[in-house]
C-alpha cells in the first residue's frame, strides 16, 4: 500500500480512547492537509467503562460501540492487527481479518495500541479464567453467568450446585468491582426466576492482594463501596491471592478451596506486545516518550494511552496513570502536536491533572471522587452516568433510553450464544505475540 501519494500520511494504530480521539481531533485540525489512516482490528471504538452494563443486560452491545466511519469523519479506517514497524523505511506491517499480511507506509505514526490482559504465572489461570477487555468477553460472560444458574437449577448434586452458583472475580480495581457488582445483581435476578433457586443460593467473591477494595479511590469511597457490596452479600477477600485454578474451583492463599465454575480475571493490564517488538526504550513495559508524546530520536513517531510512558508534569518523576481519562486527552494532544508539525497551531507538552474517579456499583449505587469531593449513593450514580453520557462520542440517546427502560422494566434473562468460550478464555487474549492474536 505504498505507491504514489499526493498528501503525507498519518497512520494511527489502535482505536481505543487514545487512538480514536487522536484520529477524530486530527481530522478536524488538518484533515485536508494529510491523509489519516486508522488501523484497528474492529470497525468501532469500544467504550470500555460501560461494558459491565452490557454483561448485566442493561445496555445493548451496540450502545458502547461507536462506528469509526461516522465517529471519525475524514479518516480512513483500515481493519487489521499491527504486528511490526520498520523504523528505517517508515512502514507498518499488519494482518487483516482474512489472515493476509500487508504493509502501509507512513510519514507520521501514532502508536495507541493500548493494553492486553495481564497474565500471572499461576497454575490453571490461563486455561480456566475468563478475561474482560473486549465485547466478545463481555457477551460471553453474560451467557456464561446465566448458564450457570440454569445448570444449578437442573442439578441434584449439592457440590455441583455450589460450583455453578459461586462466582470468583480476581482484582478489586475499577473493572473487577463493577463486574462483580453488576454480575451479582444479574445472577440474583436470574435465580429468583428459576424454580428451586433463590438469591441466597448465589455466592460472589471479590479477591485482591490489596488491603482494601478500590485502592485507587479515596479511602472513604473505598469503605462506602465495601459497605454497599457486603450488605448485598458479596464476599470481599483483601490481602488474598489465587494460588491455583482448576476445573470446578480455585485455591486461595491460606489454603481455602472455593468450588466454582466461574473465574473472572480483572487483575490488570500490560502494554500491547507490539511495543516490546519495536526494540525502543521502555519504562514499566510502556514506550518511552517525551512531554510532547514523541519518541526520543524518532520525531515522526508519537505514542499515547496505555502503551506510552508519558511523563506526568503535575507529578515530576512519575508517569501518567493508565486510565481512559489520560488516554483520551493524550490522543487529543498528540493530534494537536502533529497538526502543529504541519503548520496548524503551536506544539505543546501534555499536562493534565486527574479530575476524579467514579465506580458504578449497580442498581442505584455508585461511588465518586470529583475534584477531591467524596460522593456516594444516588448522587454519585447521577454524576457517574452524566459523565459517561458526556464522554462517549455517540449513542447518547440510545444509552439514556436503555437506562430508562431498565428503571421501568425487569431485565431480560436470556442467553444469546453468540460467542464461543474459546474467545473469552484468558489464554486467548493475554500476552500473546501480535501475530498469534485472533482477529474478529
Protein backbone atom coordinates (compact mmCIF):
# COMPACT_ATOMS: atom_id res chain seq x y z
CA UNK A 1 0.00 0.00 0.00
CA UNK A 2 2.80 2.39 -0.83
CA UNK A 3 2.63 3.82 -4.36
CA UNK A 4 2.01 7.46 -5.25
CA UNK A 5 0.56 9.74 -2.59
CA UNK A 6 -0.43 13.34 -3.12
CA UNK A 7 -0.57 14.05 0.64
CA UNK A 8 1.54 12.98 3.59
CA UNK A 9 0.06 10.07 5.51
CA UNK A 10 -0.52 9.88 9.25
CA UNK A 11 -1.12 6.31 10.42
CA UNK A 12 -2.77 5.81 13.79
CA UNK A 13 -2.57 2.30 15.25
CA UNK A 14 -5.38 1.42 17.65
CA UNK A 15 -8.86 2.89 18.08
CA UNK A 16 -9.14 2.88 21.84
CA UNK A 17 -9.53 6.09 23.82
CA UNK A 18 -6.17 7.46 22.67
CA UNK A 19 -6.27 6.42 19.02
CA UNK A 20 -9.93 7.25 18.41
CA UNK A 21 -9.62 10.76 19.82
CA UNK A 22 -6.30 11.34 18.06
CA UNK A 23 -7.91 10.50 14.71
CA UNK A 24 -11.08 12.46 15.41
CA UNK A 25 -9.16 15.56 16.56
CA UNK A 26 -6.54 15.48 13.81
CA UNK A 27 -9.22 15.22 11.14
CA UNK A 28 -10.77 18.43 12.42
CA UNK A 29 -7.43 20.23 12.62
CA UNK A 30 -5.54 19.15 9.50
CA UNK A 31 -7.75 16.69 7.66
CA UNK A 32 -7.37 18.47 4.33
CA UNK A 33 -3.58 18.66 4.62
CA UNK A 34 -2.86 14.99 5.40
CA UNK A 35 -4.27 11.53 4.77
CA UNK A 36 -5.28 9.92 8.07
CA UNK A 37 -5.45 6.12 8.29
CA UNK A 38 -6.73 4.39 11.44
CA UNK A 39 -5.65 0.75 11.77
CA UNK A 40 -7.74 -1.32 14.20
CA UNK A 41 -8.97 -4.94 14.45
CA UNK A 42 -12.62 -3.77 14.63
CA UNK A 43 -14.58 -1.05 12.86
CA UNK A 44 -15.63 0.57 16.12
CA UNK A 45 -14.32 2.34 19.22
CA UNK A 46 -15.30 0.39 22.33
CA UNK A 47 -16.34 2.50 25.32
CA UNK A 48 -14.93 0.16 27.97
CA UNK A 49 -16.31 1.83 31.13
CA UNK A 50 -19.87 0.81 30.23
CA UNK A 51 -19.00 -2.79 29.31
CA UNK A 52 -20.18 -4.21 32.70
CA UNK A 53 -23.65 -2.86 31.90
CA UNK A 54 -23.60 -4.86 28.66
CA UNK A 55 -22.84 -8.01 30.63
CA UNK A 56 -25.63 -7.13 33.06
CA UNK A 57 -28.13 -6.74 30.21
CA UNK A 58 -28.76 -3.07 30.98
CA UNK A 59 -27.25 -1.78 27.73
CA UNK A 60 -27.43 -3.32 24.29
CA UNK A 61 -23.92 -4.11 22.93
CA UNK A 62 -24.03 -1.59 20.10
CA UNK A 63 -24.62 1.22 22.58
CA UNK A 64 -20.98 1.08 23.70
CA UNK A 65 -19.58 0.64 20.17
CA UNK A 66 -19.01 3.86 18.20
CA UNK A 67 -18.56 3.44 14.45
CA UNK A 68 -15.17 4.62 13.21
CA UNK A 69 -16.69 5.65 9.89
CA UNK A 70 -19.18 8.04 11.47
CA UNK A 71 -17.22 8.89 14.63
CA UNK A 72 -14.09 9.94 12.73
CA UNK A 73 -15.23 11.72 9.55
CA UNK A 74 -12.43 12.26 7.07
CA UNK A 75 -10.43 9.32 8.46
CA UNK A 76 -9.88 6.08 6.53
CA UNK A 77 -10.45 3.07 8.84
CA UNK A 78 -8.41 0.01 7.95
CA UNK A 79 -9.22 -3.34 9.54
CA UNK A 80 -6.13 -5.13 10.79
CA UNK A 81 -3.89 -6.05 13.71
CA UNK A 82 -0.47 -4.37 13.70
CA UNK A 83 2.41 -6.80 14.11
CA UNK A 84 5.53 -4.79 13.32
CA UNK A 85 7.10 -1.45 12.44
CA UNK A 86 10.11 -0.91 10.18
CA UNK A 87 11.51 2.27 11.69
CA UNK A 88 14.04 2.83 8.88
CA UNK A 89 11.66 2.57 5.93
CA UNK A 90 8.71 4.00 7.88
CA UNK A 91 6.45 1.08 7.21
CA UNK A 92 3.82 -0.59 9.38
CA UNK A 93 3.06 -4.28 8.88
CA UNK A 94 -0.32 -5.70 9.86
CA UNK A 95 -2.55 -8.72 9.43
CA UNK A 96 -6.03 -8.19 8.01
CA UNK A 97 -9.16 -10.15 9.09
CA UNK A 98 -8.54 -12.70 6.31
CA UNK A 99 -5.13 -13.52 7.78
CA UNK A 100 -3.24 -11.82 4.94
CA UNK A 101 -0.05 -9.92 5.81
CA UNK A 102 0.05 -6.37 4.49
CA UNK A 103 2.10 -3.21 4.94
CA UNK A 104 1.47 0.51 4.95
CA UNK A 105 3.91 3.42 4.56
CA UNK A 106 3.65 6.39 6.89
CA UNK A 107 5.07 9.90 7.34
CA UNK A 108 3.83 10.21 10.92
CA UNK A 109 2.96 7.24 13.10
CA UNK A 110 0.80 7.29 16.24
CA UNK A 111 1.10 4.20 18.42
CA UNK A 112 -2.07 3.93 20.51
CA UNK A 113 -2.30 0.14 20.70
CA UNK A 114 -3.44 0.15 24.32
CA UNK A 115 -3.07 -2.84 26.61
CA UNK A 116 -3.88 -6.53 26.96
CA UNK A 117 -4.88 -8.76 29.87
CA UNK A 118 -2.04 -9.28 32.34
CA UNK A 119 -1.40 -12.96 32.94
CA UNK A 120 0.44 -14.02 36.10
CA UNK A 121 2.30 -17.36 36.43
CA UNK A 122 -0.40 -19.05 38.49
CA UNK A 123 -1.23 -22.68 37.67
CA UNK A 124 -4.51 -23.06 35.77
CA UNK A 125 -5.27 -19.35 35.29
CA UNK A 126 -4.78 -19.26 31.52
CA UNK A 127 -6.92 -22.35 30.98
CA UNK A 128 -9.77 -21.65 33.41
CA UNK A 129 -10.07 -17.85 33.83
CA UNK A 130 -12.09 -15.50 31.66
CA UNK A 131 -10.71 -12.12 30.61
CA UNK A 132 -12.68 -8.90 30.47
CA UNK A 133 -11.30 -6.47 27.89
CA UNK A 134 -13.49 -6.88 24.81
CA UNK A 135 -17.05 -7.01 23.56
CA UNK A 136 -16.70 -10.75 22.93
CA UNK A 137 -15.63 -11.37 26.54
CA UNK A 138 -18.47 -9.25 27.93
CA UNK A 139 -21.11 -11.00 25.81
CA UNK A 140 -19.75 -14.45 26.57
CA UNK A 141 -19.66 -13.72 30.30
CA UNK A 142 -23.34 -12.74 30.30
CA UNK A 143 -24.30 -16.05 28.67
CA UNK A 144 -21.96 -17.95 30.98
CA UNK A 145 -23.44 -16.42 34.15
CA UNK A 146 -27.00 -17.20 33.09
CA UNK A 147 -25.97 -20.70 32.01
CA UNK A 148 -24.55 -21.42 35.45
CA UNK A 149 -27.89 -20.54 37.04
CA UNK A 150 -29.70 -22.88 34.66
CA UNK A 151 -27.23 -25.69 35.32
CA UNK A 152 -27.54 -25.18 39.08
CA UNK A 153 -31.30 -25.49 38.84
CA UNK A 154 -31.00 -28.72 36.84
CA UNK A 155 -28.54 -30.38 39.23
CA UNK A 156 -29.39 -32.52 42.25
CA UNK A 157 -25.75 -32.72 43.37
CA UNK A 158 -25.07 -30.17 46.20
CA UNK A 159 -21.40 -29.76 45.23
CA UNK A 160 -22.23 -29.16 41.57
CA UNK A 161 -24.87 -26.65 42.59
CA UNK A 162 -22.30 -24.83 44.72
CA UNK A 163 -19.86 -24.76 41.79
CA UNK A 164 -22.45 -23.31 39.43
CA UNK A 165 -23.74 -20.74 41.94
CA UNK A 166 -20.31 -19.46 43.04
CA UNK A 167 -18.54 -16.72 41.08
CA UNK A 168 -14.99 -15.51 41.75
CA UNK A 169 -13.64 -12.17 40.50
CA UNK A 170 -9.91 -11.56 40.89
CA UNK A 171 -8.94 -7.89 41.04
CA UNK A 172 -10.84 -5.31 43.11
CA UNK A 173 -9.97 -2.30 40.98
CA UNK A 174 -12.48 -0.46 38.81
CA UNK A 175 -13.23 -3.24 36.34
CA UNK A 176 -13.32 -6.09 38.83
CA UNK A 177 -15.51 -4.23 41.29
CA UNK A 178 -18.02 -3.15 38.63
CA UNK A 179 -18.15 -6.61 37.05
CA UNK A 180 -18.77 -8.19 40.47
CA UNK A 181 -21.39 -5.59 41.42
CA UNK A 182 -23.37 -5.87 38.19
CA UNK A 183 -22.84 -9.62 37.83
CA UNK A 184 -24.16 -10.31 41.31
CA UNK A 185 -27.40 -8.41 40.63
CA UNK A 186 -27.84 -10.21 37.29
CA UNK A 187 -27.40 -13.69 38.77
CA UNK A 188 -29.62 -12.94 41.76
CA UNK A 189 -32.39 -11.77 39.40
CA UNK A 190 -31.93 -14.92 37.31
CA UNK A 191 -32.03 -17.14 40.40
CA UNK A 192 -35.29 -15.56 41.55
CA UNK A 193 -36.93 -16.60 38.29
CA UNK A 194 -35.71 -20.20 38.48
CA UNK A 195 -37.82 -22.72 40.37
CA UNK A 196 -35.70 -24.29 43.11
CA UNK A 197 -33.22 -21.41 43.39
CA UNK A 198 -33.25 -18.12 45.29
CA UNK A 199 -30.98 -15.16 45.96
CA UNK A 200 -29.21 -16.71 49.00
CA UNK A 201 -28.04 -19.53 46.71
CA UNK A 202 -25.80 -17.09 44.85
CA UNK A 203 -22.26 -16.51 46.12
CA UNK A 204 -19.85 -13.91 44.74
CA UNK A 205 -16.25 -13.40 45.90
CA UNK A 206 -14.09 -10.38 45.06
CA UNK A 207 -10.41 -11.18 45.67
CA UNK A 208 -7.43 -8.83 45.71
CA UNK A 209 -3.92 -8.64 47.14
CA UNK A 210 -4.54 -5.01 48.19
CA UNK A 211 -5.62 -4.11 51.70
CA UNK A 212 -8.92 -2.65 50.53
CA UNK A 213 -11.32 -2.71 47.63
CA UNK A 214 -10.81 0.06 45.04
CA UNK A 215 -7.35 1.09 46.30
CA UNK A 216 -7.22 3.82 43.61
CA UNK A 217 -10.10 5.70 45.26
CA UNK A 218 -10.29 7.87 48.35
CA UNK A 219 -10.36 5.58 51.46
CA UNK A 220 -13.82 6.95 52.34
CA UNK A 221 -15.19 5.88 48.95
CA UNK A 222 -13.45 2.53 49.22
CA UNK A 223 -15.13 1.98 52.59
CA UNK A 224 -18.50 3.06 51.19
CA UNK A 225 -18.21 0.64 48.24
CA UNK A 226 -17.16 -2.14 50.63
CA UNK A 227 -20.25 -1.49 52.75
CA UNK A 228 -22.64 -1.49 49.74
CA UNK A 229 -21.26 -4.73 48.32
CA UNK A 230 -21.03 -6.66 51.58
CA UNK A 231 -24.54 -5.59 52.52
CA UNK A 232 -25.69 -7.34 49.35
CA UNK A 233 -23.86 -10.46 50.43
CA UNK A 234 -20.80 -10.17 48.21
CA UNK A 235 -17.68 -11.53 49.95
CA UNK A 236 -14.61 -9.32 49.72
CA UNK A 237 -11.28 -11.06 50.36
CA UNK A 238 -8.49 -8.49 50.65
CA UNK A 239 -4.81 -9.36 51.18
CA UNK A 240 -5.63 -12.57 49.34
CA UNK A 241 -4.25 -14.20 46.20
CA UNK A 242 -5.29 -17.07 43.95
CA UNK A 243 -2.73 -19.87 44.17
CA UNK A 244 -4.29 -22.30 41.70
CA UNK A 245 -7.27 -22.59 39.36
CA UNK A 246 -8.70 -25.92 38.27
CA UNK A 247 -11.86 -27.35 36.78
CA UNK A 248 -14.51 -26.82 39.41
CA UNK A 249 -12.75 -24.38 41.71
CA UNK A 250 -9.86 -22.21 42.88
CA UNK A 251 -7.47 -22.40 45.80
CA UNK A 252 -6.84 -19.14 47.62
CA UNK A 253 -3.84 -18.17 49.72
CA UNK A 254 -4.19 -19.72 53.15
CA UNK A 255 -5.44 -22.96 51.60
CA UNK A 256 -9.15 -22.10 51.27
CA UNK A 257 -10.64 -24.01 48.31
CA UNK A 258 -13.66 -22.37 46.69
CA UNK A 259 -15.85 -24.56 44.45
CA UNK A 260 -16.68 -22.57 41.31
CA UNK A 261 -17.06 -22.83 37.53
CA UNK A 262 -16.54 -19.07 37.06
CA UNK A 263 -13.21 -17.28 37.49
CA UNK A 264 -13.14 -13.73 36.08
CA UNK A 265 -9.66 -12.22 35.73
CA UNK A 266 -9.51 -8.44 36.26
CA UNK A 267 -6.07 -8.24 37.83
CA UNK A 268 -4.65 -5.62 35.50
CA UNK A 269 -3.20 -4.94 32.10
CA UNK A 270 0.13 -4.62 30.35
CA UNK A 271 1.05 -2.71 27.18
CA UNK A 272 0.32 -4.43 23.88
CA UNK A 273 3.16 -6.82 22.84
CA UNK A 274 3.76 -4.68 19.72
CA UNK A 275 5.58 -2.17 21.94
CA UNK A 276 8.17 -4.70 23.07
CA UNK A 277 8.80 -5.80 19.48
CA UNK A 278 9.91 -2.30 18.43
CA UNK A 279 13.26 -2.53 20.23
CA UNK A 280 12.85 1.02 21.55
CA UNK A 281 13.38 2.14 25.17
CA UNK A 282 10.53 1.28 27.53
CA UNK A 283 9.66 2.05 31.11
CA UNK A 284 7.48 -0.41 33.03
CA UNK A 285 6.80 -2.03 29.65
CA UNK A 286 5.49 1.22 28.16
CA UNK A 287 7.16 3.03 25.25
CA UNK A 288 9.24 5.99 26.43
CA UNK A 289 8.05 9.35 25.08
CA UNK A 290 8.78 12.96 25.94
CA UNK A 291 6.29 15.52 27.21
CA UNK A 292 5.23 16.19 23.60
CA UNK A 293 4.32 12.50 23.17
CA UNK A 294 7.10 11.86 20.64
CA UNK A 295 9.59 9.00 20.85
CA UNK A 296 13.11 10.33 21.56
CA UNK A 297 15.22 10.04 18.41
CA UNK A 298 12.14 9.42 16.26
CA UNK A 299 10.29 12.73 15.81
CA UNK A 300 7.93 11.10 13.31
CA UNK A 301 6.61 8.62 15.91
CA UNK A 302 4.10 9.54 18.61
CA UNK A 303 2.70 7.29 21.33
CA UNK A 304 -0.15 7.80 23.78
CA UNK A 305 -2.52 5.92 26.06
CA UNK A 306 -1.70 2.72 27.94
CA UNK A 307 1.16 1.87 25.57
CA UNK A 308 3.12 5.05 26.32
CA UNK A 309 5.21 6.03 29.35
CA UNK A 310 4.03 9.63 29.37
CA UNK A 311 5.74 11.87 31.97
CA UNK A 312 3.25 13.40 34.39
CA UNK A 313 4.16 17.09 34.54
CA UNK A 314 1.84 17.56 37.52
CA UNK A 315 3.87 14.96 39.47
CA UNK A 316 7.55 15.30 38.46
CA UNK A 317 9.27 11.95 38.05
CA UNK A 318 6.02 9.98 37.76
CA UNK A 319 4.17 8.58 34.76
CA UNK A 320 0.54 9.32 33.95
CA UNK A 321 -1.83 6.58 35.06
CA UNK A 322 -3.20 4.04 32.58
CA UNK A 323 -6.71 5.47 32.58
CA UNK A 324 -9.24 6.40 29.91
CA UNK A 325 -9.16 9.99 31.15
CA UNK A 326 -5.45 10.34 30.36
CA UNK A 327 -5.63 8.27 27.15
CA UNK A 328 -8.33 10.46 25.61
CA UNK A 329 -6.53 13.70 26.39
CA UNK A 330 -3.17 12.34 25.26
CA UNK A 331 -4.72 11.34 21.94
CA UNK A 332 -6.09 14.84 21.51
CA UNK A 333 -2.75 16.43 22.45
CA UNK A 334 -0.86 14.13 20.03
CA UNK A 335 -3.26 15.24 17.27
CA UNK A 336 -2.63 18.91 18.06
CA UNK A 337 1.13 18.38 18.02
CA UNK A 338 1.01 16.51 14.72
CA UNK A 339 -1.10 19.30 13.26
CA UNK A 340 1.49 21.77 14.58
CA UNK A 341 4.20 19.88 12.67
CA UNK A 342 2.25 20.74 9.51
CA UNK A 343 1.87 24.39 10.44
CA UNK A 344 -1.51 24.25 12.21
CA UNK A 345 -1.17 25.80 15.67
CA UNK A 346 1.56 25.54 18.34
CA UNK A 347 3.21 22.44 19.74
CA UNK A 348 2.55 21.98 23.46
CA UNK A 349 3.51 19.48 26.18
CA UNK A 350 0.91 17.14 27.65
CA UNK A 351 -0.30 18.26 31.05
CA UNK A 352 -3.48 17.11 32.77
CA UNK A 353 -4.44 16.76 36.41
CA UNK A 354 -6.78 13.88 37.19
CA UNK A 355 -10.28 15.32 37.64
CA UNK A 356 -11.62 12.45 39.73
CA UNK A 357 -12.81 8.86 39.62
CA UNK A 358 -16.17 7.12 39.69
CA UNK A 359 -17.26 3.50 40.05
CA UNK A 360 -20.74 2.12 39.29
CA UNK A 361 -21.89 -0.36 41.94
CA UNK A 362 -25.08 -1.43 40.17
CA UNK A 363 -28.67 -0.56 41.00
CA UNK A 364 -28.87 2.97 42.38
CA UNK A 365 -25.40 2.81 43.95
CA UNK A 366 -22.08 4.37 42.93
CA UNK A 367 -19.03 6.00 44.46
CA UNK A 368 -17.27 9.03 43.01
CA UNK A 369 -14.39 11.34 43.82
CA UNK A 370 -14.95 14.62 41.97
CA UNK A 371 -12.24 17.26 42.37
CA UNK A 372 -11.48 16.00 45.87
CA UNK A 373 -15.10 15.69 46.98
CA UNK A 374 -16.22 12.20 48.02
CA UNK A 375 -19.74 11.25 46.95
CA UNK A 376 -21.78 8.05 47.29
CA UNK A 377 -25.29 6.74 46.63
CA UNK A 378 -27.77 8.19 44.17
CA UNK A 379 -25.83 11.47 43.82
CA UNK A 380 -22.69 9.62 42.78
CA UNK A 381 -24.79 7.46 40.44
CA UNK A 382 -26.22 10.53 38.70
CA UNK A 383 -22.76 12.07 38.33
CA UNK A 384 -21.30 8.80 37.04
CA UNK A 385 -23.97 8.43 34.38
CA UNK A 386 -23.80 12.09 33.39
CA UNK A 387 -20.04 11.76 32.95
CA UNK A 388 -20.42 8.71 30.70
CA UNK A 389 -23.04 10.45 28.57
CA UNK A 390 -20.70 13.39 28.08
CA UNK A 391 -17.62 11.23 27.48
CA UNK A 392 -18.98 8.78 24.93
CA UNK A 393 -18.79 10.28 21.41
CA UNK A 394 -22.12 8.88 20.15
CA UNK A 395 -25.21 6.80 21.07
CA UNK A 396 -26.18 9.09 23.97
CA UNK A 397 -29.92 8.99 23.33
CA UNK A 398 -29.88 5.21 22.89
CA UNK A 399 -27.94 4.78 26.15
CA UNK A 400 -30.33 7.06 28.01
CA UNK A 401 -33.27 5.09 26.60
CA UNK A 402 -31.78 1.80 27.80
CA UNK A 403 -31.21 3.25 31.28
CA UNK A 404 -34.79 4.48 31.40
CA UNK A 405 -36.20 1.12 30.30
CA UNK A 406 -34.03 -0.66 32.86
CA UNK A 407 -35.51 1.53 35.60
CA UNK A 408 -39.07 0.80 34.47
CA UNK A 409 -38.95 -2.84 33.34
CA UNK A 410 -37.43 -6.05 34.62
CA UNK A 411 -34.26 -7.11 32.84
CA UNK A 412 -34.36 -9.76 30.10
CA UNK A 413 -32.88 -13.05 31.27
CA UNK A 414 -31.87 -14.79 28.05
CA UNK A 415 -28.73 -16.33 26.57
CA UNK A 416 -27.73 -15.38 23.02
CA UNK A 417 -24.96 -17.92 22.40
CA UNK A 418 -23.07 -15.64 20.02
CA UNK A 419 -19.54 -16.05 21.40
CA UNK A 420 -17.71 -19.37 21.92
CA UNK A 421 -15.83 -19.98 25.17
CA UNK A 422 -12.51 -20.03 23.30
CA UNK A 423 -12.85 -16.29 22.59
CA UNK A 424 -13.21 -15.45 26.29
CA UNK A 425 -10.60 -17.68 27.94
CA UNK A 426 -7.67 -15.71 29.28
CA UNK A 427 -5.28 -17.91 27.30
CA UNK A 428 -6.76 -16.50 24.07
CA UNK A 429 -6.22 -12.82 24.90
CA UNK A 430 -3.35 -12.38 27.36
CA UNK A 431 0.25 -11.58 26.45
CA UNK A 432 0.33 -13.31 23.08
CA UNK A 433 2.55 -12.05 20.27
CA UNK A 434 0.59 -9.87 17.84
CA UNK A 435 0.64 -12.43 15.04
CA UNK A 436 -0.96 -15.06 17.28
CA UNK A 437 -3.87 -12.94 18.46
CA UNK A 438 -7.25 -13.86 16.97
CA UNK A 439 -8.90 -11.44 14.58
CA UNK A 440 -12.65 -10.78 14.77
